Amino acid sequence: MAKRLKKSEKKIYHSTFTYFIPSPPLRKSGYREVEFDKIMSGLLSSGFELVSLQTVSSTNGIFMVAVLKTNEKKVFQMDLKQDIHEKFKLSHSHSSPDILLEEE
């Protein structure tokens, strides 16, 4: 039996966002992943709320898996497959000069 929503209740839409961060070279201190911060800030300012954030490491880097929610259908239908570099005005290179990308 389907549950009817009261007028005061809004439907909650869930989505996942996965991002891969390649392993940086060894260094003596940590660093801030500025590009990931910009992406998450963009998602949150678009109307998503962060439900959970999990990390899964591999030999080549780390996967960041975010579970997001919103009660706005328009936000939920936002195309997260579009080029995130363009959408969130990211650079196409890592913020650390110590990390060489394959395209360099």
Protein backbone atom coordinates (compact mmCIF):
# COMPACT_ATOMS: atom_id res chain seq x y z
CA MET A 1 0.00 0.00 0.00
CA ALA A 2 1.48 3.36 -1.02
CA LYS A 3 1.91 5.94 1.68
CA ARG A 4 0.34 9.30 0.85
CA LEU A 5 2.38 12.34 1.75
CA LYS A 6 0.77 15.02 3.83
CA LYS A 7 1.00 18.53 2.42
CA SER A 8 3.63 19.39 5.02
CA GLU A 9 5.77 16.36 4.07
CA LYS A 10 8.05 16.60 1.07
CA LYS A 11 9.49 13.69 -0.83
CA ILE A 12 13.20 13.15 -0.19
CA TYR A 13 15.39 12.37 -3.21
CA HIS A 14 18.72 10.57 -2.69
CA SER A 15 21.72 10.46 -5.01
CA THR A 16 25.34 9.39 -4.83
CA PHE A 17 28.39 11.28 -6.00
CA THR A 18 31.70 9.45 -6.42
CA TYR A 19 35.04 11.17 -6.94
CA PHE A 20 38.49 9.62 -7.37
CA ILE A 21 41.57 11.35 -5.97
CA PRO A 22 44.87 9.92 -7.27
CA SER A 23 47.62 9.12 -4.78
CA PRO A 24 49.96 12.06 -4.26
CA PRO A 25 53.72 11.60 -3.94
CA LEU A 26 55.09 10.90 -0.47
CA ARG A 27 55.49 14.02 1.61
CA LYS A 28 56.22 14.95 5.21
CA SER A 29 52.90 16.67 5.90
CA GLY A 30 49.29 16.44 4.82
CA TYR A 31 47.60 18.68 2.32
CA ARG A 32 44.11 19.97 1.67
CA GLU A 33 42.30 18.60 -1.38
CA VAL A 34 41.03 21.96 -2.60
CA GLU A 35 39.36 20.64 -5.77
CA PHE A 36 37.21 18.16 -3.80
CA ASP A 37 36.28 20.93 -1.36
CA LYS A 38 35.11 23.10 -4.28
CA ILE A 39 33.02 20.24 -5.69
CA MET A 40 31.35 19.50 -2.37
CA SER A 41 30.73 23.21 -1.78
CA GLY A 42 29.12 23.44 -5.22
CA LEU A 43 26.89 20.42 -4.58
CA LEU A 44 25.82 21.71 -1.18
CA SER A 45 25.12 25.23 -2.47
CA SER A 46 23.05 23.70 -5.31
CA GLY A 47 20.55 22.42 -2.77
CA PHE A 48 21.89 18.99 -1.81
CA GLU A 49 22.50 17.94 1.78
CA LEU A 50 25.27 15.52 2.70
CA VAL A 51 23.91 12.32 4.27
CA SER A 52 27.21 10.44 4.52
CA LEU A 53 30.74 10.44 3.16
CA GLN A 54 32.78 7.27 2.81
CA THR A 55 36.29 6.68 1.56
CA VAL A 56 37.59 3.58 -0.17
CA SER A 57 41.32 3.37 -0.75
CA SER A 58 43.08 1.64 -3.60
CA THR A 59 46.75 1.34 -4.52
CA ASN A 60 46.39 4.28 -6.94
CA GLY A 61 44.34 6.66 -4.81
CA ILE A 62 41.12 7.03 -2.91
CA PHE A 63 37.45 7.00 -3.88
CA MET A 64 35.21 9.49 -2.10
CA VAL A 65 31.57 8.36 -2.08
CA ALA A 66 29.04 10.93 -0.94
CA VAL A 67 25.38 10.13 -0.34
CA LEU A 68 23.35 13.27 -0.98
CA LYS A 69 19.72 14.15 -0.42
CA THR A 70 17.35 16.94 -1.37
CA ASN A 71 13.64 17.54 -1.22
CA GLU A 72 13.67 19.56 -4.44
CA LYS A 73 12.97 17.55 -7.60
CA LYS A 74 14.72 20.20 -9.73
CA VAL A 75 17.93 19.80 -7.72
CA PHE A 76 17.69 16.01 -7.85
CA GLN A 77 17.34 16.07 -11.63
CA MET A 78 20.45 18.26 -11.99
CA ASP A 79 22.82 16.47 -14.33
CA LEU A 80 25.73 15.43 -12.11
CA LYS A 81 27.31 13.74 -15.15
CA GLN A 82 28.12 17.08 -16.72
CA ASP A 83 31.69 18.29 -16.66
CA ILE A 84 32.28 19.17 -13.01
CA HIS A 85 35.36 21.21 -13.92
CA GLU A 86 33.13 23.54 -15.92
CA LYS A 87 30.17 23.54 -13.52
CA PHE A 88 32.19 24.33 -10.38
CA LYS A 89 34.92 26.36 -12.13
CA LEU A 90 37.72 23.98 -11.19
CA SER A 91 41.20 24.01 -12.61
CA HIS A 92 42.14 21.06 -14.77
CA SER A 93 45.23 20.43 -12.71
CA HIS A 94 45.90 19.51 -9.13
CA SER A 95 46.53 22.35 -6.72
CA SER A 96 49.91 20.94 -5.68
CA PRO A 97 52.92 21.58 -7.95
CA ASP A 98 54.46 18.37 -6.55
CA ILE A 99 51.89 16.20 -8.33
CA LEU A 100 52.41 15.53 -12.01
CA LEU A 101 49.32 14.56 -13.95
CA GLU A 102 49.51 12.16 -16.89
CA GLU A 103 48.59 14.93 -19.35
CA GLU A 104 51.54 17.09 -18.22
